[in-house]
All heavy atoms as atom14 arrays in JSON, in Angstrom:
{
  "sequence": "DITLASTSGISMMLFSTFVYPFELTSFLILVAIMGALVLAQREKKD",
  "atom14_mask": [
    [1, 1, 1, 1, 1, 1, 1, 1, 0, 0, 0, 0, 0, 0],
    [1, 1, 1, 1, 1, 1, 1, 1, 0, 0, 0, 0, 0, 0],
    [1, 1, 1, 1, 1, 1, 1, 0, 0, 0, 0, 0, 0, 0],
    [1, 1, 1, 1, 1, 1, 1, 1, 0, 0, 0, 0, 0, 0],
    [1, 1, 1, 1, 1, 0, 0, 0, 0, 0, 0, 0, 0, 0],
    [1, 1, 1, 1, 1, 1, 0, 0, 0, 0, 0, 0, 0, 0],
    [1, 1, 1, 1, 1, 1, 1, 0, 0, 0, 0, 0, 0, 0],
    [1, 1, 1, 1, 1, 1, 0, 0, 0, 0, 0, 0, 0, 0],
    [1, 1, 1, 1, 0, 0, 0, 0, 0, 0, 0, 0, 0, 0],
    [1, 1, 1, 1, 1, 1, 1, 1, 0, 0, 0, 0, 0, 0],
    [1, 1, 1, 1, 1, 1, 0, 0, 0, 0, 0, 0, 0, 0],
    [1, 1, 1, 1, 1, 1, 1, 1, 0, 0, 0, 0, 0, 0],
    [1, 1, 1, 1, 1, 1, 1, 1, 0, 0, 0, 0, 0, 0],
    [1, 1, 1, 1, 1, 1, 1, 1, 0, 0, 0, 0, 0, 0],
    [1, 1, 1, 1, 1, 1, 1, 1, 1, 1, 1, 0, 0, 0],
    [1, 1, 1, 1, 1, 1, 0, 0, 0, 0, 0, 0, 0, 0],
    [1, 1, 1, 1, 1, 1, 1, 0, 0, 0, 0, 0, 0, 0],
    [1, 1, 1, 1, 1, 1, 1, 1, 1, 1, 1, 0, 0, 0],
    [1, 1, 1, 1, 1, 1, 1, 0, 0, 0, 0, 0, 0, 0],
    [1, 1, 1, 1, 1, 1, 1, 1, 1, 1, 1, 1, 0, 0],
    [1, 1, 1, 1, 1, 1, 1, 0, 0, 0, 0, 0, 0, 0],
    [1, 1, 1, 1, 1, 1, 1, 1, 1, 1, 1, 0, 0, 0],
    [1, 1, 1, 1, 1, 1, 1, 1, 1, 0, 0, 0, 0, 0],
    [1, 1, 1, 1, 1, 1, 1, 1, 0, 0, 0, 0, 0, 0],
    [1, 1, 1, 1, 1, 1, 1, 0, 0, 0, 0, 0, 0, 0],
    [1, 1, 1, 1, 1, 1, 0, 0, 0, 0, 0, 0, 0, 0],
    [1, 1, 1, 1, 1, 1, 1, 1, 1, 1, 1, 0, 0, 0],
    [1, 1, 1, 1, 1, 1, 1, 1, 0, 0, 0, 0, 0, 0],
    [1, 1, 1, 1, 1, 1, 1, 1, 0, 0, 0, 0, 0, 0],
    [1, 1, 1, 1, 1, 1, 1, 1, 0, 0, 0, 0, 0, 0],
    [1, 1, 1, 1, 1, 1, 1, 0, 0, 0, 0, 0, 0, 0],
    [1, 1, 1, 1, 1, 0, 0, 0, 0, 0, 0, 0, 0, 0],
    [1, 1, 1, 1, 1, 1, 1, 1, 0, 0, 0, 0, 0, 0],
    [1, 1, 1, 1, 1, 1, 1, 1, 0, 0, 0, 0, 0, 0],
    [1, 1, 1, 1, 0, 0, 0, 0, 0, 0, 0, 0, 0, 0],
    [1, 1, 1, 1, 1, 0, 0, 0, 0, 0, 0, 0, 0, 0],
    [1, 1, 1, 1, 1, 1, 1, 1, 0, 0, 0, 0, 0, 0],
    [1, 1, 1, 1, 1, 1, 1, 0, 0, 0, 0, 0, 0, 0],
    [1, 1, 1, 1, 1, 1, 1, 1, 0, 0, 0, 0, 0, 0],
    [1, 1, 1, 1, 1, 0, 0, 0, 0, 0, 0, 0, 0, 0],
    [1, 1, 1, 1, 1, 1, 1, 1, 1, 0, 0, 0, 0, 0],
    [1, 1, 1, 1, 1, 1, 1, 1, 1, 1, 1, 0, 0, 0],
    [1, 1, 1, 1, 1, 1, 1, 1, 1, 0, 0, 0, 0, 0],
    [1, 1, 1, 1, 1, 1, 1, 1, 1, 0, 0, 0, 0, 0],
    [1, 1, 1, 1, 1, 1, 1, 1, 1, 0, 0, 0, 0, 0],
    [1, 1, 1, 1, 1, 1, 1, 1, 0, 0, 0, 0, 0, 0]
  ],
  "atom14_positions": [
    [[0.87, -1.18, -0.02], [0.0, 0.02, -0.01], [0.89, 1.24, -0.01], [1.6, 1.47, 0.97], [-0.88, -0.02, 1.24], [-1.97, 1.06, 1.18], [-2.12, 1.72, 0.11], [-2.68, 1.22, 2.22], [0.0, 0.0, 0.0], [0.0, 0.0, 0.0], [0.0, 0.0, 0.0], [0.0, 0.0, 0.0], [0.0, 0.0, 0.0], [0.0, 0.0, 0.0]],
    [[0.9, 1.96, -1.12], [1.8, 3.09, -1.24], [1.51, 4.22, -0.27], [2.38, 4.99, 0.07], [1.84, 3.57, -2.74], [3.02, 4.46, -2.99], [0.51, 4.3, -3.06], [4.32, 3.75, -2.93], [0.0, 0.0, 0.0], [0.0, 0.0, 0.0], [0.0, 0.0, 0.0], [0.0, 0.0, 0.0], [0.0, 0.0, 0.0], [0.0, 0.0, 0.0]],
    [[0.27, 4.3, 0.26], [-0.07, 5.36, 1.18], [0.64, 5.17, 2.5], [0.82, 6.15, 3.23], [-1.58, 5.46, 1.39], [-2.06, 4.22, 1.92], [-2.33, 5.73, 0.06], [0.0, 0.0, 0.0], [0.0, 0.0, 0.0], [0.0, 0.0, 0.0], [0.0, 0.0, 0.0], [0.0, 0.0, 0.0], [0.0, 0.0, 0.0], [0.0, 0.0, 0.0]],
    [[1.0, 3.97, 2.84], [1.72, 3.74, 4.12], [3.12, 4.28, 4.06], [3.73, 4.6, 5.08], [1.73, 2.27, 4.46], [0.37, 1.66, 4.78], [0.53, 0.19, 5.12], [-0.32, 2.37, 5.91], [0.0, 0.0, 0.0], [0.0, 0.0, 0.0], [0.0, 0.0, 0.0], [0.0, 0.0, 0.0], [0.0, 0.0, 0.0], [0.0, 0.0, 0.0]],
    [[3.73, 4.42, 2.85], [5.08, 4.86, 2.78], [5.16, 6.42, 2.78], [6.24, 6.92, 2.98], [5.73, 4.33, 1.48], [0.0, 0.0, 0.0], [0.0, 0.0, 0.0], [0.0, 0.0, 0.0], [0.0, 0.0, 0.0], [0.0, 0.0, 0.0], [0.0, 0.0, 0.0], [0.0, 0.0, 0.0], [0.0, 0.0, 0.0], [0.0, 0.0, 0.0]],
    [[4.08, 7.09, 2.57], [4.13, 8.57, 2.55], [4.14, 9.09, 3.98], [3.74, 8.41, 4.92], [2.97, 9.12, 1.79], [1.78, 8.88, 2.48], [0.0, 0.0, 0.0], [0.0, 0.0, 0.0], [0.0, 0.0, 0.0], [0.0, 0.0, 0.0], [0.0, 0.0, 0.0], [0.0, 0.0, 0.0], [0.0, 0.0, 0.0], [0.0, 0.0, 0.0]],
    [[4.56, 10.33, 4.09], [4.6, 10.96, 5.43], [3.21, 11.09, 6.05], [2.99, 10.81, 7.21], [5.25, 12.34, 5.31], [6.51, 12.2, 4.72], [5.4, 12.99, 6.67], [0.0, 0.0, 0.0], [0.0, 0.0, 0.0], [0.0, 0.0, 0.0], [0.0, 0.0, 0.0], [0.0, 0.0, 0.0], [0.0, 0.0, 0.0], [0.0, 0.0, 0.0]],
    [[2.21, 11.43, 5.19], [0.87, 11.53, 5.7], [0.28, 10.21, 6.13], [-0.45, 10.09, 7.12], [-0.03, 12.21, 4.66], [-0.13, 11.44, 3.53], [0.0, 0.0, 0.0], [0.0, 0.0, 0.0], [0.0, 0.0, 0.0], [0.0, 0.0, 0.0], [0.0, 0.0, 0.0], [0.0, 0.0, 0.0], [0.0, 0.0, 0.0], [0.0, 0.0, 0.0]],
    [[0.65, 9.14, 5.35], [0.17, 7.8, 5.75], [0.76, 7.35, 7.05], [0.06, 6.77, 7.91], [0.0, 0.0, 0.0], [0.0, 0.0, 0.0], [0.0, 0.0, 0.0], [0.0, 0.0, 0.0], [0.0, 0.0, 0.0], [0.0, 0.0, 0.0], [0.0, 0.0, 0.0], [0.0, 0.0, 0.0], [0.0, 0.0, 0.0], [0.0, 0.0, 0.0]],
    [[2.07, 7.63, 7.26], [2.71, 7.25, 8.51], [2.12, 8.05, 9.69], [1.84, 7.52, 10.73], [4.24, 7.48, 8.39], [4.87, 6.47, 7.46], [4.9, 7.35, 9.78], [6.32, 6.73, 7.14], [0.0, 0.0, 0.0], [0.0, 0.0, 0.0], [0.0, 0.0, 0.0], [0.0, 0.0, 0.0], [0.0, 0.0, 0.0], [0.0, 0.0, 0.0]],
    [[1.89, 9.35, 9.47], [1.33, 10.14, 10.54], [-0.11, 9.74, 10.86], [-0.51, 9.73, 12.04], [1.37, 11.64, 10.21], [0.57, 11.9, 9.05], [0.0, 0.0, 0.0], [0.0, 0.0, 0.0], [0.0, 0.0, 0.0], [0.0, 0.0, 0.0], [0.0, 0.0, 0.0], [0.0, 0.0, 0.0], [0.0, 0.0, 0.0], [0.0, 0.0, 0.0]],
    [[-0.88, 9.35, 9.86], [-2.26, 8.89, 10.11], [-2.23, 7.58, 10.94], [-3.03, 7.41, 11.86], [-3.03, 8.68, 8.84], [-3.42, 9.95, 8.12], [-4.37, 11.04, 9.15], [-5.88, 10.09, 9.29], [0.0, 0.0, 0.0], [0.0, 0.0, 0.0], [0.0, 0.0, 0.0], [0.0, 0.0, 0.0], [0.0, 0.0, 0.0], [0.0, 0.0, 0.0]],
    [[-1.28, 6.69, 10.58], [-1.2, 5.43, 11.38], [-0.7, 5.74, 12.79], [-1.15, 5.12, 13.74], [-0.23, 4.46, 10.69], [-0.82, 3.74, 9.53], [0.32, 2.54, 8.83], [0.65, 1.54, 10.22], [0.0, 0.0, 0.0], [0.0, 0.0, 0.0], [0.0, 0.0, 0.0], [0.0, 0.0, 0.0], [0.0, 0.0, 0.0], [0.0, 0.0, 0.0]],
    [[0.26, 6.64, 12.92], [0.83, 6.94, 14.26], [-0.2, 7.56, 15.18], [-0.25, 7.2, 16.33], [2.04, 7.89, 14.11], [2.74, 8.26, 15.37], [3.43, 7.03, 15.96], [3.83, 9.28, 15.04], [0.0, 0.0, 0.0], [0.0, 0.0, 0.0], [0.0, 0.0, 0.0], [0.0, 0.0, 0.0], [0.0, 0.0, 0.0], [0.0, 0.0, 0.0]],
    [[-1.05, 8.46, 14.67], [-1.99, 9.15, 15.5], [-3.4, 8.56, 15.46], [-4.32, 9.11, 16.09], [-2.02, 10.6, 15.17], [-0.75, 11.31, 15.49], [0.04, 11.84, 14.48], [-0.3, 11.44, 16.8], [1.21, 12.47, 14.81], [0.86, 12.02, 17.11], [1.66, 12.58, 16.11], [0.0, 0.0, 0.0], [0.0, 0.0, 0.0], [0.0, 0.0, 0.0]],
    [[-3.58, 7.41, 14.8], [-4.89, 6.76, 14.87], [-4.71, 5.33, 15.4], [-5.14, 4.96, 16.47], [-5.59, 6.78, 13.5], [-4.78, 6.08, 12.57], [0.0, 0.0, 0.0], [0.0, 0.0, 0.0], [0.0, 0.0, 0.0], [0.0, 0.0, 0.0], [0.0, 0.0, 0.0], [0.0, 0.0, 0.0], [0.0, 0.0, 0.0], [0.0, 0.0, 0.0]],
    [[-4.01, 4.49, 14.62], [-3.84, 3.11, 14.99], [-2.9, 2.92, 16.17], [-3.19, 2.12, 17.11], [-3.31, 2.27, 13.78], [-4.16, 2.54, 12.63], [-3.31, 0.79, 14.07], [0.0, 0.0, 0.0], [0.0, 0.0, 0.0], [0.0, 0.0, 0.0], [0.0, 0.0, 0.0], [0.0, 0.0, 0.0], [0.0, 0.0, 0.0], [0.0, 0.0, 0.0]],
    [[-1.8, 3.63, 16.18], [-0.76, 3.42, 17.15], [-0.67, 4.58, 18.16], [0.41, 4.85, 18.72], [0.62, 3.21, 16.47], [0.66, 2.06, 15.61], [0.71, 2.13, 14.23], [0.69, 0.73, 16.14], [0.75, 1.05, 13.41], [0.75, -0.35, 15.33], [0.76, -0.2, 13.96], [0.0, 0.0, 0.0], [0.0, 0.0, 0.0], [0.0, 0.0, 0.0]],
    [[-1.79, 5.25, 18.44], [-1.73, 6.4, 19.36], [-1.47, 5.93, 20.77], [-0.73, 6.63, 21.53], [-3.04, 7.23, 19.22], [-4.23, 6.51, 19.81], [-2.86, 8.6, 19.87], [0.0, 0.0, 0.0], [0.0, 0.0, 0.0], [0.0, 0.0, 0.0], [0.0, 0.0, 0.0], [0.0, 0.0, 0.0], [0.0, 0.0, 0.0], [0.0, 0.0, 0.0]],
    [[-1.99, 4.85, 21.19], [-1.76, 4.37, 22.58], [-0.27, 3.97, 22.82], [0.3, 4.39, 23.85], [-2.7, 3.27, 22.93], [-4.15, 3.74, 23.01], [-5.13, 3.19, 22.23], [-4.51, 4.77, 23.89], [-6.42, 3.64, 22.29], [-5.8, 5.27, 23.94], [-6.76, 4.67, 23.13], [-8.05, 5.13, 23.19], [0.0, 0.0, 0.0], [0.0, 0.0, 0.0]],
    [[0.34, 3.15, 21.95], [1.74, 2.88, 22.17], [2.6, 4.17, 22.06], [3.61, 4.3, 22.78], [2.15, 1.93, 21.04], [0.86, 1.29, 20.64], [-0.17, 2.34, 20.86], [0.0, 0.0, 0.0], [0.0, 0.0, 0.0], [0.0, 0.0, 0.0], [0.0, 0.0, 0.0], [0.0, 0.0, 0.0], [0.0, 0.0, 0.0], [0.0, 0.0, 0.0]],
    [[2.25, 5.1, 21.2], [2.97, 6.37, 21.09], [2.9, 7.15, 22.39], [3.92, 7.63, 22.89], [2.39, 7.17, 19.93], [3.05, 8.48, 19.69], [4.3, 8.55, 19.1], [2.43, 9.69, 20.02], [4.95, 9.76, 18.88], [3.04, 10.85, 19.83], [4.29, 10.91, 19.24], [0.0, 0.0, 0.0], [0.0, 0.0, 0.0], [0.0, 0.0, 0.0]],
    [[1.71, 7.28, 22.96], [1.59, 7.98, 24.22], [2.22, 7.21, 25.39], [2.75, 7.82, 26.34], [0.11, 8.23, 24.51], [-0.56, 9.24, 23.58], [0.13, 10.62, 23.69], [0.53, 11.0, 24.77], [0.24, 11.25, 22.62], [0.0, 0.0, 0.0], [0.0, 0.0, 0.0], [0.0, 0.0, 0.0], [0.0, 0.0, 0.0], [0.0, 0.0, 0.0]],
    [[2.18, 5.87, 25.37], [2.8, 5.1, 26.43], [4.29, 5.3, 26.38], [4.94, 5.37, 27.46], [2.47, 3.6, 26.21], [3.04, 2.66, 27.26], [2.45, 2.93, 28.63], [2.77, 1.21, 26.86], [0.0, 0.0, 0.0], [0.0, 0.0, 0.0], [0.0, 0.0, 0.0], [0.0, 0.0, 0.0], [0.0, 0.0, 0.0], [0.0, 0.0, 0.0]],
    [[4.88, 5.43, 25.23], [6.34, 5.66, 25.09], [6.7, 7.03, 25.72], [7.66, 7.14, 26.48], [6.78, 5.63, 23.64], [6.42, 4.35, 23.09], [8.24, 5.85, 23.49], [0.0, 0.0, 0.0], [0.0, 0.0, 0.0], [0.0, 0.0, 0.0], [0.0, 0.0, 0.0], [0.0, 0.0, 0.0], [0.0, 0.0, 0.0], [0.0, 0.0, 0.0]],
    [[5.89, 8.02, 25.43], [6.18, 9.34, 26.04], [6.02, 9.3, 27.55], [6.76, 9.93, 28.3], [5.29, 10.43, 25.43], [3.97, 10.16, 25.73], [0.0, 0.0, 0.0], [0.0, 0.0, 0.0], [0.0, 0.0, 0.0], [0.0, 0.0, 0.0], [0.0, 0.0, 0.0], [0.0, 0.0, 0.0], [0.0, 0.0, 0.0], [0.0, 0.0, 0.0]],
    [[5.04, 8.52, 28.05], [4.86, 8.39, 29.48], [6.05, 7.67, 30.15], [6.52, 8.06, 31.19], [3.57, 7.65, 29.77], [3.27, 7.47, 31.21], [2.89, 8.5, 32.01], [3.39, 6.21, 31.8], [2.64, 8.32, 33.36], [3.16, 6.02, 33.15], [2.78, 7.08, 33.93], [0.0, 0.0, 0.0], [0.0, 0.0, 0.0], [0.0, 0.0, 0.0]],
    [[6.59, 6.63, 29.45], [7.73, 5.91, 29.97], [8.95, 6.81, 30.03], [9.77, 6.71, 30.97], [8.03, 4.66, 29.15], [7.02, 3.51, 29.32], [7.3, 2.4, 28.37], [7.07, 2.99, 30.74], [0.0, 0.0, 0.0], [0.0, 0.0, 0.0], [0.0, 0.0, 0.0], [0.0, 0.0, 0.0], [0.0, 0.0, 0.0], [0.0, 0.0, 0.0]],
    [[9.16, 7.68, 29.06], [10.27, 8.61, 29.07], [10.12, 9.58, 30.2], [11.08, 9.89, 30.89], [10.41, 9.32, 27.68], [10.86, 8.3, 26.64], [11.39, 10.46, 27.75], [10.85, 8.87, 25.24], [0.0, 0.0, 0.0], [0.0, 0.0, 0.0], [0.0, 0.0, 0.0], [0.0, 0.0, 0.0], [0.0, 0.0, 0.0], [0.0, 0.0, 0.0]],
    [[8.92, 10.08, 30.44], [8.64, 10.97, 31.58], [8.99, 10.28, 32.92], [9.6, 10.88, 33.79], [7.23, 11.42, 31.52], [6.79, 12.37, 32.68], [7.55, 13.68, 32.57], [5.3, 12.59, 32.62], [0.0, 0.0, 0.0], [0.0, 0.0, 0.0], [0.0, 0.0, 0.0], [0.0, 0.0, 0.0], [0.0, 0.0, 0.0], [0.0, 0.0, 0.0]],
    [[8.56, 9.03, 33.06], [8.86, 8.29, 34.3], [10.32, 8.07, 34.46], [10.87, 8.21, 35.6], [8.09, 6.93, 34.28], [8.57, 6.04, 35.43], [6.61, 7.19, 34.4], [0.0, 0.0, 0.0], [0.0, 0.0, 0.0], [0.0, 0.0, 0.0], [0.0, 0.0, 0.0], [0.0, 0.0, 0.0], [0.0, 0.0, 0.0], [0.0, 0.0, 0.0]],
    [[11.06, 7.83, 33.39], [12.53, 7.64, 33.46], [13.19, 8.96, 33.94], [14.12, 8.96, 34.73], [13.08, 7.25, 32.13], [0.0, 0.0, 0.0], [0.0, 0.0, 0.0], [0.0, 0.0, 0.0], [0.0, 0.0, 0.0], [0.0, 0.0, 0.0], [0.0, 0.0, 0.0], [0.0, 0.0, 0.0], [0.0, 0.0, 0.0], [0.0, 0.0, 0.0]],
    [[12.74, 10.11, 33.41], [13.29, 11.36, 33.83], [13.02, 11.6, 35.34], [13.91, 12.03, 36.08], [12.71, 12.53, 33.01], [13.22, 12.4, 31.59], [13.11, 13.9, 33.59], [12.58, 13.41, 30.64], [0.0, 0.0, 0.0], [0.0, 0.0, 0.0], [0.0, 0.0, 0.0], [0.0, 0.0, 0.0], [0.0, 0.0, 0.0], [0.0, 0.0, 0.0]],
    [[11.82, 11.34, 35.75], [11.45, 11.52, 37.17], [12.27, 10.59, 38.04], [12.72, 10.96, 39.13], [9.97, 11.32, 37.36], [9.13, 12.43, 36.74], [7.37, 12.11, 36.77], [7.06, 11.95, 38.48], [0.0, 0.0, 0.0], [0.0, 0.0, 0.0], [0.0, 0.0, 0.0], [0.0, 0.0, 0.0], [0.0, 0.0, 0.0], [0.0, 0.0, 0.0]],
    [[12.5, 9.36, 37.58], [13.37, 8.44, 38.36], [14.77, 8.94, 38.48], [15.37, 8.8, 39.55], [0.0, 0.0, 0.0], [0.0, 0.0, 0.0], [0.0, 0.0, 0.0], [0.0, 0.0, 0.0], [0.0, 0.0, 0.0], [0.0, 0.0, 0.0], [0.0, 0.0, 0.0], [0.0, 0.0, 0.0], [0.0, 0.0, 0.0], [0.0, 0.0, 0.0]],
    [[15.32, 9.48, 37.41], [16.66, 10.07, 37.47], [16.73, 11.23, 38.46], [17.7, 11.4, 39.17], [17.12, 10.5, 36.08], [0.0, 0.0, 0.0], [0.0, 0.0, 0.0], [0.0, 0.0, 0.0], [0.0, 0.0, 0.0], [0.0, 0.0, 0.0], [0.0, 0.0, 0.0], [0.0, 0.0, 0.0], [0.0, 0.0, 0.0], [0.0, 0.0, 0.0]],
    [[15.68, 12.06, 38.44], [15.68, 13.16, 39.43], [15.63, 12.7, 40.82], [16.3, 13.21, 41.72], [14.48, 14.07, 39.12], [14.55, 14.94, 37.87], [13.26, 15.63, 37.6], [15.67, 15.94, 38.04], [0.0, 0.0, 0.0], [0.0, 0.0, 0.0], [0.0, 0.0, 0.0], [0.0, 0.0, 0.0], [0.0, 0.0, 0.0], [0.0, 0.0, 0.0]],
    [[14.82, 11.67, 41.11], [14.73, 11.11, 42.48], [16.09, 10.54, 42.86], [16.55, 10.73, 44.01], [13.61, 10.01, 42.55], [13.7, 9.22, 43.83], [12.28, 10.69, 42.42], [0.0, 0.0, 0.0], [0.0, 0.0, 0.0], [0.0, 0.0, 0.0], [0.0, 0.0, 0.0], [0.0, 0.0, 0.0], [0.0, 0.0, 0.0], [0.0, 0.0, 0.0]],
    [[16.74, 9.81, 42.0], [18.05, 9.25, 42.3], [19.09, 10.34, 42.54], [19.92, 10.23, 43.44], [18.56, 8.32, 41.18], [17.81, 6.99, 41.05], [18.29, 6.23, 39.83], [18.07, 6.13, 42.31], [0.0, 0.0, 0.0], [0.0, 0.0, 0.0], [0.0, 0.0, 0.0], [0.0, 0.0, 0.0], [0.0, 0.0, 0.0], [0.0, 0.0, 0.0]],
    [[19.02, 11.4, 41.8], [19.96, 12.48, 41.95], [19.71, 13.2, 43.31], [20.65, 13.62, 43.98], [19.87, 13.47, 40.81], [0.0, 0.0, 0.0], [0.0, 0.0, 0.0], [0.0, 0.0, 0.0], [0.0, 0.0, 0.0], [0.0, 0.0, 0.0], [0.0, 0.0, 0.0], [0.0, 0.0, 0.0], [0.0, 0.0, 0.0], [0.0, 0.0, 0.0]],
    [[18.46, 13.37, 43.68], [18.15, 14.01, 44.97], [18.58, 13.21, 46.15], [18.98, 13.72, 47.16], [16.63, 14.32, 45.04], [16.17, 15.39, 44.06], [16.85, 16.73, 44.34], [17.17, 17.08, 45.47], [17.05, 17.5, 43.27], [0.0, 0.0, 0.0], [0.0, 0.0, 0.0], [0.0, 0.0, 0.0], [0.0, 0.0, 0.0], [0.0, 0.0, 0.0]],
    [[18.47, 11.86, 46.02], [18.91, 10.96, 47.1], [20.41, 11.12, 47.35], [20.87, 11.12, 48.51], [18.63, 9.53, 46.71], [17.48, 8.98, 47.46], [17.39, 7.48, 47.26], [15.98, 7.17, 47.1], [15.51, 6.17, 46.49], [16.34, 5.27, 45.98], [14.24, 5.97, 46.34], [0.0, 0.0, 0.0], [0.0, 0.0, 0.0], [0.0, 0.0, 0.0]],
    [[21.2, 11.25, 46.3], [22.65, 11.37, 46.45], [23.01, 12.72, 47.13], [23.94, 12.8, 47.9], [23.37, 11.25, 45.14], [23.45, 9.83, 44.62], [24.29, 9.76, 43.38], [24.97, 10.68, 43.03], [24.23, 8.67, 42.74], [0.0, 0.0, 0.0], [0.0, 0.0, 0.0], [0.0, 0.0, 0.0], [0.0, 0.0, 0.0], [0.0, 0.0, 0.0]],
    [[22.27, 13.77, 46.81], [22.57, 15.08, 47.4], [22.26, 15.11, 48.89], [22.91, 15.83, 49.64], [21.72, 16.19, 46.68], [22.25, 16.45, 45.34], [21.4, 17.57, 44.67], [21.92, 17.86, 43.27], [21.08, 18.91, 42.62], [0.0, 0.0, 0.0], [0.0, 0.0, 0.0], [0.0, 0.0, 0.0], [0.0, 0.0, 0.0], [0.0, 0.0, 0.0]],
    [[21.26, 14.34, 49.37], [20.88, 14.32, 50.8], [21.9, 13.65, 51.64], [22.11, 13.98, 52.77], [19.53, 13.67, 50.97], [18.37, 14.52, 50.46], [17.07, 13.79, 50.71], [15.89, 14.6, 50.13], [14.63, 13.89, 50.3], [0.0, 0.0, 0.0], [0.0, 0.0, 0.0], [0.0, 0.0, 0.0], [0.0, 0.0, 0.0], [0.0, 0.0, 0.0]],
    [[22.57, 12.67, 51.09], [23.6, 11.9, 51.88], [24.84, 12.64, 52.07], [25.32, 13.53, 51.6], [23.93, 10.61, 51.18], [22.7, 9.67, 51.2], [21.78, 9.9, 52.0], [22.65, 8.69, 50.36], [0.0, 0.0, 0.0], [0.0, 0.0, 0.0], [0.0, 0.0, 0.0], [0.0, 0.0, 0.0], [0.0, 0.0, 0.0], [0.0, 0.0, 0.0]]
  ]
}
C-alpha cells in the first residue's frame, strides 16, 4: 500500500492506529526522567 510509505500515511497510522503505544512511550520517558531526578536528589541528601 503506497499510502503507508508517505509521510501523511505514517502520521495517520501513528496518531490513529498506534496512538496508545505512542503515548505510552512518552509516558515511559517521563517516568525515566522523574526516576533520574529522584536518584539524583537521594545522592545530594547523603
